[in-house]
PDB file of N, CA and C in Angstrom:
ATOM      1  N   VAL A   1       0.918  -1.185  -0.202  1.00  0.00           N
ATOM      2  CA  VAL A   1       0.122  -0.018   0.038  1.00  0.00           C
ATOM      3  C   VAL A   1       0.871   1.295  -0.094  1.00  0.00           C
ATOM      4  N   VAL A   2       1.802   1.469   0.815  1.00  0.00           N
ATOM      5  CA  VAL A   2       2.872   2.387   0.662  1.00  0.00           C
ATOM      6  C   VAL A   2       3.840   1.930   0.014  1.00  0.00           C
ATOM      7  N   SER A   3       4.084   3.108  -0.977  1.00  0.00           N
ATOM      8  CA  SER A   3       5.262   3.026  -1.952  1.00  0.00           C
ATOM      9  C   SER A   3       5.565   4.576  -2.477  1.00  0.00           C
ATOM     10  N   ASP A   4       6.742   4.699  -2.807  1.00  0.00           N
ATOM     11  CA  ASP A   4       7.021   5.990  -3.425  1.00  0.00           C
ATOM     12  C   ASP A   4       6.177   6.290  -4.741  1.00  0.00           C
ATOM     13  N   ARG A   5       5.573   5.554  -5.213  1.00  0.00           N
ATOM     14  CA  ARG A   5       4.757   6.153  -6.398  1.00  0.00           C
ATOM     15  C   ARG A   5       3.481   6.297  -5.780  1.00  0.00           C
ATOM     16  N   ARG A   6       2.871   5.614  -5.037  1.00  0.00           N
ATOM     17  CA  ARG A   6       1.727   5.913  -4.349  1.00  0.00           C
ATOM     18  C   ARG A   6       1.513   7.422  -3.627  1.00  0.00           C
ATOM     19  N   ILE A   7       2.659   7.379  -2.866  1.00  0.00           N
ATOM     20  CA  ILE A   7       2.971   8.864  -2.101  1.00  0.00           C
ATOM     21  C   ILE A   7       3.117   9.997  -2.955  1.00  0.00           C
ATOM     22  N   MET A   8       3.897   9.928  -4.137  1.00  0.00           N
ATOM     23  CA  MET A   8       4.137  11.043  -5.337  1.00  0.00           C
ATOM     24  C   MET A   8       2.752  11.302  -5.751  1.00  0.00           C
ATOM     25  N   ARG A   9       1.736  10.015  -6.125  1.00  0.00           N
ATOM     26  CA  ARG A   9       0.647  10.496  -6.563  1.00  0.00           C
ATOM     27  C   ARG A   9      -0.267  11.298  -5.912  1.00  0.00           C
ATOM     28  N   PHE A  10      -0.186  10.948  -4.555  1.00  0.00           N
ATOM     29  CA  PHE A  10      -0.805  12.001  -3.553  1.00  0.00           C
ATOM     30  C   PHE A  10      -0.315  13.433  -3.458  1.00  0.00           C
ATOM     31  N   LEU A  11       1.075  13.437  -3.646  1.00  0.00           N
ATOM     32  CA  LEU A  11       1.502  14.784  -3.592  1.00  0.00           C
ATOM     33  C   LEU A  11       1.413  15.661  -4.806  1.00  0.00           C
ATOM     34  N   ARG A  12       1.337  14.938  -5.946  1.00  0.00           N
ATOM     35  CA  ARG A  12       0.878  15.672  -7.146  1.00  0.00           C
ATOM     36  C   ARG A  12      -0.270  15.946  -7.266  1.00  0.00           C
ATOM     37  N   GLY A  13      -1.384  15.110  -6.692  1.00  0.00           N
ATOM     38  CA  GLY A  13      -2.797  15.505  -6.957  1.00  0.00           C
ATOM     39  C   GLY A  13      -3.161  16.553  -5.868  1.00  0.00           C
ATOM     40  N   HIS A  14      -2.271  16.710  -4.992  1.00  0.00           N
ATOM     41  CA  HIS A  14      -2.631  17.873  -3.931  1.00  0.00           C
ATOM     42  C   HIS A  14      -1.612  19.055  -3.894  1.00  0.00           C
ATOM     43  N   LYS A  15      -0.977  19.151  -5.307  1.00  0.00           N
ATOM     44  CA  LYS A  15      -0.189  20.239  -5.645  1.00  0.00           C
ATOM     45  C   LYS A  15       1.131  20.358  -4.741  1.00  0.00           C
ATOM     46  N   PHE A  16       1.579  19.282  -4.166  1.00  0.00           N
ATOM     47  CA  PHE A  16       2.797  19.010  -3.363  1.00  0.00           C
ATOM     48  C   PHE A  16       2.489  19.891  -1.872  1.00  0.00           C
ATOM     49  N   ASP A  17       1.346  19.780  -1.697  1.00  0.00           N
ATOM     50  CA  ASP A  17       1.080  20.515  -0.231  1.00  0.00           C
ATOM     51  C   ASP A  17       1.089  18.976   0.512  1.00  0.00           C
ATOM     52  N   VAL A  18       2.171  18.972   1.400  1.00  0.00           N
ATOM     53  CA  VAL A  18       2.648  17.872   2.205  1.00  0.00           C
ATOM     54  C   VAL A  18       1.452  17.829   3.254  1.00  0.00           C
ATOM     55  N   LYS A  19       0.907  18.824   3.556  1.00  0.00           N
ATOM     56  CA  LYS A  19      -0.013  18.612   4.836  1.00  0.00           C
ATOM     57  C   LYS A  19      -1.291  18.083   4.322  1.00  0.00           C
ATOM     58  N   VAL A  20      -1.815  18.398   3.356  1.00  0.00           N
ATOM     59  CA  VAL A  20      -3.031  18.154   2.571  1.00  0.00           C
ATOM     60  C   VAL A  20      -2.880  16.407   2.169  1.00  0.00           C
ATOM     61  N   ALA A  21      -1.786  16.377   1.298  1.00  0.00           N
ATOM     62  CA  ALA A  21      -1.357  14.989   0.816  1.00  0.00           C
ATOM     63  C   ALA A  21      -1.275  13.968   2.091  1.00  0.00           C
ATOM     64  N   ALA A  22      -0.583  14.288   2.951  1.00  0.00           N
ATOM     65  CA  ALA A  22      -0.432  13.446   4.121  1.00  0.00           C
ATOM     66  C   ALA A  22      -2.053  13.104   4.747  1.00  0.00           C
ATOM     67  N   THR A  23      -2.741  13.934   4.890  1.00  0.00           N
ATOM     68  CA  THR A  23      -4.145  13.866   5.492  1.00  0.00           C
ATOM     69  C   THR A  23      -4.812  12.942   4.621  1.00  0.00           C
ATOM     70  N   MET A  24      -4.654  13.272   3.312  1.00  0.00           N
ATOM     71  CA  MET A  24      -5.736  12.513   2.057  1.00  0.00           C
ATOM     72  C   MET A  24      -5.075  11.164   2.111  1.00  0.00           C
ATOM     73  N   PHE A  25      -3.777  10.790   2.422  1.00  0.00           N
ATOM     74  CA  PHE A  25      -3.072   9.476   2.372  1.00  0.00           C
ATOM     75  C   PHE A  25      -3.782   8.881   3.663  1.00  0.00           C
ATOM     76  N   GLY A  26      -3.559   9.447   4.621  1.00  0.00           N
ATOM     77  CA  GLY A  26      -4.302   8.954   5.966  1.00  0.00           C
ATOM     78  C   GLY A  26      -5.550   8.109   5.767  1.00  0.00           C
ATOM     79  N   ASN A  27      -6.418   9.248   5.117  1.00  0.00           N
ATOM     80  CA  ASN A  27      -7.729   8.931   5.003  1.00  0.00           C
ATOM     81  C   ASN A  27      -7.876   7.724   3.916  1.00  0.00           C
ATOM     82  N   MET A  28      -7.136   7.562   2.964  1.00  0.00           N
ATOM     83  CA  MET A  28      -7.038   6.246   2.062  1.00  0.00           C
ATOM     84  C   MET A  28      -6.910   5.456   2.645  1.00  0.00           C
ATOM     85  N   LEU A  29      -5.811   5.208   3.917  1.00  0.00           N
ATOM     86  CA  LEU A  29      -5.273   3.816   4.631  1.00  0.00           C
ATOM     87  C   LEU A  29      -6.724   3.569   5.587  1.00  0.00           C
ATOM     88  N   SER A  30      -7.419   4.670   6.021  1.00  0.00           N
ATOM     89  CA  SER A  30      -8.300   4.305   7.012  1.00  0.00           C
ATOM     90  C   SER A  30      -9.364   3.540   6.167  1.00  0.00           C
ATOM     91  N   TRP A  31      -9.660   4.220   5.186  1.00  0.00           N
ATOM     92  CA  TRP A  31     -10.631   3.543   4.302  1.00  0.00           C
ATOM     93  C   TRP A  31     -10.502   2.306   3.849  1.00  0.00           C
ATOM     94  N   ARG A  32      -9.320   1.959   3.463  1.00  0.00           N
ATOM     95  CA  ARG A  32      -8.887   0.480   2.914  1.00  0.00           C
ATOM     96  C   ARG A  32      -9.021  -0.401   4.070  1.00  0.00           C
ATOM     97  N   LYS A  33      -8.644   0.176   5.314  1.00  0.00           N
ATOM     98  CA  LYS A  33      -8.900  -0.685   6.614  1.00  0.00           C
ATOM     99  C   LYS A  33     -10.307  -1.102   6.748  1.00  0.00           C
ATOM    100  N   GLU A  34     -11.082   0.211   6.803  1.00  0.00           N
ATOM    101  CA  GLU A  34     -12.454  -0.057   6.911  1.00  0.00           C
ATOM    102  C   GLU A  34     -13.345  -1.108   6.051  1.00  0.00           C
ATOM    103  N   MET A  35     -12.837  -0.903   4.665  1.00  0.00           N
ATOM    104  CA  MET A  35     -13.617  -1.865   3.738  1.00  0.00           C
ATOM    105  C   MET A  35     -12.805  -3.074   3.338  1.00  0.00           C
ATOM    106  N   ASN A  36     -11.895  -3.346   4.170  1.00  0.00           N
ATOM    107  CA  ASN A  36     -11.046  -4.553   3.851  1.00  0.00           C
ATOM    108  C   ASN A  36     -10.487  -4.913   2.732  1.00  0.00           C
ATOM    109  N   VAL A  37     -10.135  -3.704   2.132  1.00  0.00           N
ATOM    110  CA  VAL A  37      -9.465  -3.543   0.668  1.00  0.00           C
ATOM    111  C   VAL A  37      -8.541  -4.654   0.535  1.00  0.00           C
ATOM    112  N   ASP A  38      -7.543  -4.650   1.379  1.00  0.00           N
ATOM    113  CA  ASP A  38      -6.403  -5.591   1.149  1.00  0.00           C
ATOM    114  C   ASP A  38      -6.482  -6.891   1.356  1.00  0.00           C
ATOM    115  N   ARG A  39      -7.754  -7.429   2.343  1.00  0.00           N
ATOM    116  CA  ARG A  39      -7.776  -8.683   2.339  1.00  0.00           C
ATOM    117  C   ARG A  39      -8.812  -9.163   1.152  1.00  0.00           C
ATOM    118  N   ILE A  40      -9.573  -8.450   0.783  1.00  0.00           N
ATOM    119  CA  ILE A  40     -10.373  -8.848  -0.474  1.00  0.00           C
ATOM    120  C   ILE A  40      -9.432  -8.946  -1.638  1.00  0.00           C
ATOM    121  N   ARG A  41      -8.405  -8.206  -2.012  1.00  0.00           N
ATOM    122  CA  ARG A  41      -7.240  -8.147  -3.006  1.00  0.00           C
ATOM    123  C   ARG A  41      -6.580  -9.314  -2.848  1.00  0.00           C
ATOM    124  N   GLU A  42      -6.179  -9.628  -1.431  1.00  0.00           N
ATOM    125  CA  GLU A  42      -5.284 -10.777  -1.187  1.00  0.00           C
ATOM    126  C   GLU A  42      -6.026 -12.303  -1.684  1.00  0.00           C
ATOM    127  N   HIS A  43      -7.352 -12.046  -1.276  1.00  0.00           N
ATOM    128  CA  HIS A  43      -8.431 -13.388  -1.837  1.00  0.00           C
ATOM    129  C   HIS A  43      -8.104 -13.147  -3.074  1.00  0.00           C
ATOM    130  N   ILE A  44      -8.304 -12.266  -3.854  1.00  0.00           N
ATOM    131  CA  ILE A  44      -8.538 -12.490  -5.326  1.00  0.00           C
ATOM    132  C   ILE A  44      -7.178 -12.935  -6.125  1.00  0.00           C
ATOM    133  N   VAL A  45      -5.965 -12.343  -5.376  1.00  0.00           N
ATOM    134  CA  VAL A  45      -4.917 -12.855  -6.151  1.00  0.00           C
ATOM    135  C   VAL A  45      -4.373 -14.343  -5.524  1.00  0.00           C
ATOM    136  N   ARG A  46      -4.468 -14.723  -4.576  1.00  0.00           N
ATOM    137  CA  ARG A  46      -4.428 -16.090  -3.947  1.00  0.00           C
ATOM    138  C   ARG A  46      -5.005 -16.914  -4.693  1.00  0.00           C
ATOM    139  N   ASP A  47      -6.418 -16.781  -4.929  1.00  0.00           N
ATOM    140  CA  ASP A  47      -7.109 -17.815  -5.403  1.00  0.00           C
ATOM    141  C   ASP A  47      -7.284 -17.699  -6.941  1.00  0.00           C
ATOM    142  N   ASN A  48      -6.343 -16.818  -7.453  1.00  0.00           N
ATOM    143  CA  ASN A  48      -6.586 -16.582  -8.848  1.00  0.00           C
ATOM    144  C   ASN A  48      -7.898 -16.354  -9.466  1.00  0.00           C
ATOM    145  N   LEU A  49      -8.856 -15.623  -8.625  1.00  0.00           N
ATOM    146  CA  LEU A  49     -10.227 -15.486  -9.154  1.00  0.00           C
ATOM    147  C   LEU A  49     -10.215 -14.626 -10.467  1.00  0.00           C
ATOM    148  N   SER A  50     -11.312 -15.256 -11.328  1.00  0.00           N
ATOM    149  CA  SER A  50     -11.777 -14.510 -12.433  1.00  0.00           C
ATOM    150  C   SER A  50     -12.624 -13.075 -12.018  1.00  0.00           C
ATOM    151  N   PRO A  51     -12.667 -11.964 -12.649  1.00  0.00           N
ATOM    152  CA  PRO A  51     -13.682 -11.001 -12.242  1.00  0.00           C
ATOM    153  C   PRO A  51     -14.830 -11.540 -12.025  1.00  0.00           C
ATOM    154  N   GLU A  52     -15.750 -12.319 -12.698  1.00  0.00           N
ATOM    155  CA  GLU A  52     -17.071 -12.849 -12.373  1.00  0.00           C
ATOM    156  C   GLU A  52     -17.035 -13.364 -10.870  1.00  0.00           C
ATOM    157  N   GLN A  53     -15.829 -14.151 -10.565  1.00  0.00           N
ATOM    158  CA  GLN A  53     -15.702 -14.420  -9.120  1.00  0.00           C
ATOM    159  C   GLN A  53     -15.289 -13.457  -8.113  1.00  0.00           C
ATOM    160  N   PHE A  54     -15.040 -12.384  -8.268  1.00  0.00           N
ATOM    161  CA  PHE A  54     -14.615 -11.287  -7.420  1.00  0.00           C
ATOM    162  C   PHE A  54     -16.101 -11.274  -6.087  1.00  0.00           C
ATOM    163  N   PRO A  55     -15.236 -10.904  -4.942  1.00  0.00           N
ATOM    164  CA  PRO A  55     -16.458 -10.575  -3.990  1.00  0.00           C
ATOM    165  C   PRO A  55     -17.431  -9.299  -4.421  1.00  0.00           C
ATOM    166  N   HIS A  56     -18.538  -9.585  -4.285  1.00  0.00           N
ATOM    167  CA  HIS A  56     -19.618  -8.694  -4.616  1.00  0.00           C
ATOM    168  C   HIS A  56     -19.390  -8.089  -6.116  1.00  0.00           C
ATOM    169  N   TYR A  57     -19.171  -8.959  -6.903  1.00  0.00           N
ATOM    170  CA  TYR A  57     -19.130  -8.657  -8.372  1.00  0.00           C
ATOM    171  C   TYR A  57     -20.675  -8.167  -8.845  1.00  0.00           C
ATOM    172  N   GLY A  58     -21.653  -9.038  -8.456  1.00  0.00           N
ATOM    173  CA  GLY A  58     -22.902  -8.213  -8.770  1.00  0.00           C
ATOM    174  C   GLY A  58     -23.311  -7.006  -8.455  1.00  0.00           C
ATOM    175  N   ARG A  59     -22.970  -6.548  -7.277  1.00  0.00           N
ATOM    176  CA  ARG A  59     -22.750  -5.014  -6.774  1.00  0.00           C
ATOM    177  C   ARG A  59     -21.892  -4.293  -7.687  1.00  0.00           C
ATOM    178  N   ILE A  60     -20.854  -4.788  -8.113  1.00  0.00           N
ATOM    179  CA  ILE A  60     -19.957  -3.452  -8.714  1.00  0.00           C
ATOM    180  C   ILE A  60     -20.559  -3.454 -10.214  1.00  0.00           C
ATOM    181  N   MET A  61     -21.050  -4.423 -10.802  1.00  0.00           N
ATOM    182  CA  MET A  61     -21.528  -4.474 -12.112  1.00  0.00           C
ATOM    183  C   MET A  61     -22.761  -3.650 -12.026  1.00  0.00           C
ATOM    184  N   ARG A  62     -23.603  -3.522 -11.020  1.00  0.00           N
ATOM    185  CA  ARG A  62     -24.709  -2.672 -10.879  1.00  0.00           C
ATOM    186  C   ARG A  62     -24.459  -1.223 -10.791  1.00  0.00           C
ATOM    187  N   TYR A  63     -23.497  -0.890 -10.273  1.00  0.00           N
ATOM    188  CA  TYR A  63     -22.881   0.656 -10.280  1.00  0.00           C
ATOM    189  C   TYR A  63     -21.908   0.814 -11.357  1.00  0.00           C
ATOM    190  N   TYR A  64     -20.892  -0.099 -11.785  1.00  0.00           N
ATOM    191  CA  TYR A  64     -20.016   0.124 -12.442  1.00  0.00           C
ATOM    192  C   TYR A  64     -20.175  -0.851 -14.009  1.00  0.00           C
ATOM    193  N   PRO A  65     -21.033  -0.663 -14.662  1.00  0.00           N
ATOM    194  CA  PRO A  65     -21.056  -1.548 -15.689  1.00  0.00           C
ATOM    195  C   PRO A  65     -19.937  -1.665 -16.581  1.00  0.00           C
ATOM    196  N   SER A  66     -19.265  -0.833 -16.607  1.00  0.00           N
ATOM    197  CA  SER A  66     -17.943  -0.707 -17.583  1.00  0.00           C
ATOM    198  C   SER A  66     -16.807  -1.587 -17.221  1.00  0.00           C
ATOM    199  N   PHE A  67     -16.984  -2.190 -15.907  1.00  0.00           N
ATOM    200  CA  PHE A  67     -16.120  -2.883 -15.374  1.00  0.00           C
ATOM    201  C   PHE A  67     -15.652  -4.281 -16.095  1.00  0.00           C
ATOM    202  N   ALA A  68     -14.556  -4.368 -16.709  1.00  0.00           N
ATOM    203  CA  ALA A  68     -13.899  -5.401 -17.347  1.00  0.00           C
ATOM    204  C   ALA A  68     -12.598  -5.664 -17.049  1.00  0.00           C
ATOM    205  N   HIS A  69     -12.168  -7.151 -17.153  1.00  0.00           N
ATOM    206  CA  HIS A  69     -10.855  -7.758 -16.995  1.00  0.00           C
ATOM    207  C   HIS A  69     -10.417  -7.736 -18.147  1.00  0.00           C
ATOM    208  N   HIS A  70      -8.978  -6.995 -18.566  1.00  0.00           N
ATOM    209  CA  HIS A  70      -8.086  -6.971 -19.490  1.00  0.00           C
ATOM    210  C   HIS A  70      -7.051  -7.861 -19.499  1.00  0.00           C
ATOM    211  N   GLY A  71      -6.645  -8.500 -18.373  1.00  0.00           N
ATOM    212  CA  GLY A  71      -5.412  -9.385 -18.196  1.00  0.00           C
ATOM    213  C   GLY A  71      -4.998  -9.346 -16.940  1.00  0.00           C
ATOM    214  N   THR A  72      -3.625  -9.493 -16.806  1.00  0.00           N
ATOM    215  CA  THR A  72      -2.968  -9.321 -15.464  1.00  0.00           C
ATOM    216  C   THR A  72      -1.587  -8.582 -15.491  1.00  0.00           C
ATOM    217  N   ALA A  73      -1.436  -7.912 -14.393  1.00  0.00           N
ATOM    218  CA  ALA A  73      -0.292  -7.036 -14.253  1.00  0.00           C
ATOM    219  C   ALA A  73       1.177  -8.098 -14.440  1.00  0.00           C
ATOM    220  N   HIS A  74       2.460  -7.351 -14.255  1.00  0.00           N
ATOM    221  CA  HIS A  74       3.462  -8.383 -13.963  1.00  0.00           C
ATOM    222  C   HIS A  74       3.248  -9.193 -12.651  1.00  0.00           C
ATOM    223  N   ASP A  75       2.694  -8.388 -11.624  1.00  0.00           N
ATOM    224  CA  ASP A  75       2.787  -9.176 -10.508  1.00  0.00           C
ATOM    225  C   ASP A  75       1.437  -9.888 -10.222  1.00  0.00           C
ATOM    226  N   GLY A  76       0.781 -10.161 -11.476  1.00  0.00           N
ATOM    227  CA  GLY A  76      -0.439 -11.187 -11.265  1.00  0.00           C
ATOM    228  C   GLY A  76      -1.563 -10.513 -10.797  1.00  0.00           C
ATOM    229  N   SER A  77      -1.638  -9.248 -10.429  1.00  0.00           N
ATOM    230  CA  SER A  77      -2.912  -8.566 -10.183  1.00  0.00           C
ATOM    231  C   SER A  77      -3.679  -8.254 -11.469  1.00  0.00           C
ATOM    232  N   PRO A  78      -4.986  -8.477 -11.296  1.00  0.00           N
ATOM    233  CA  PRO A  78      -5.901  -8.006 -12.243  1.00  0.00           C
ATOM    234  C   PRO A  78      -5.662  -6.783 -12.871  1.00  0.00           C
ATOM    235  N   LEU A  79      -5.921  -6.635 -14.303  1.00  0.00           N
ATOM    236  CA  LEU A  79      -5.407  -5.328 -14.983  1.00  0.00           C
ATOM    237  C   LEU A  79      -6.786  -5.016 -15.596  1.00  0.00           C
ATOM    238  N   HIS A  80      -7.145  -3.762 -15.417  1.00  0.00           N
ATOM    239  CA  HIS A  80      -8.510  -2.844 -16.035  1.00  0.00           C
ATOM    240  C   HIS A  80      -7.826  -1.923 -16.649  1.00  0.00           C
ATOM    241  N   ILE A  81      -8.224  -1.970 -17.870  1.00  0.00           N
ATOM    242  CA  ILE A  81      -8.152  -0.439 -18.893  1.00  0.00           C
ATOM    243  C   ILE A  81      -9.485   0.079 -19.154  1.00  0.00           C
ATOM    244  N   GLU A  82      -9.457   1.439 -18.758  1.00  0.00           N
ATOM    245  CA  GLU A  82     -10.941   2.132 -19.217  1.00  0.00           C
ATOM    246  C   GLU A  82     -10.536   3.249 -20.091  1.00  0.00           C
ATOM    247  N   MET A  83     -11.414   3.326 -21.068  1.00  0.00           N
ATOM    248  CA  MET A  83     -11.291   4.119 -22.153  1.00  0.00           C
ATOM    249  C   MET A  83     -12.104   5.272 -21.975  1.00  0.00           C
ATOM    250  N   VAL A  84     -11.840   6.424 -21.261  1.00  0.00           N
ATOM    251  CA  VAL A  84     -12.842   7.402 -20.545  1.00  0.00           C
ATOM    252  C   VAL A  84     -13.361   8.141 -21.708  1.00  0.00           C
ATOM    253  N   GLY A  85     -14.647   8.164 -21.903  1.00  0.00           N
ATOM    254  CA  GLY A  85     -15.127   9.194 -22.924  1.00  0.00           C
ATOM    255  C   GLY A  85     -15.463   8.355 -24.399  1.00  0.00           C
ATOM    256  N   LYS A  86     -15.191   7.095 -24.416  1.00  0.00           N
ATOM    257  CA  LYS A  86     -15.540   6.210 -25.161  1.00  0.00           C
ATOM    258  C   LYS A  86     -16.543   5.294 -25.049  1.00  0.00           C
TER     259      LYS A  86
END
């Protein structure tokens, strides 16, 4: 969860205002913990689930119908490519 790349995204996203970026990063970590995001991701990767097998897939499709699985990243995690505006 914590990496230089992720921290830089928060810094760039908040115009390098360290205080705001740190607050938002902390909020993101709290949200991930509250929603069990890391546990869900570990389950998906560990069991090599297809998108249709993802926890709450039906609910995801109801709110985000363009969700599609396009392959896997180098580390084996699901890869999603979205062409916004198309």
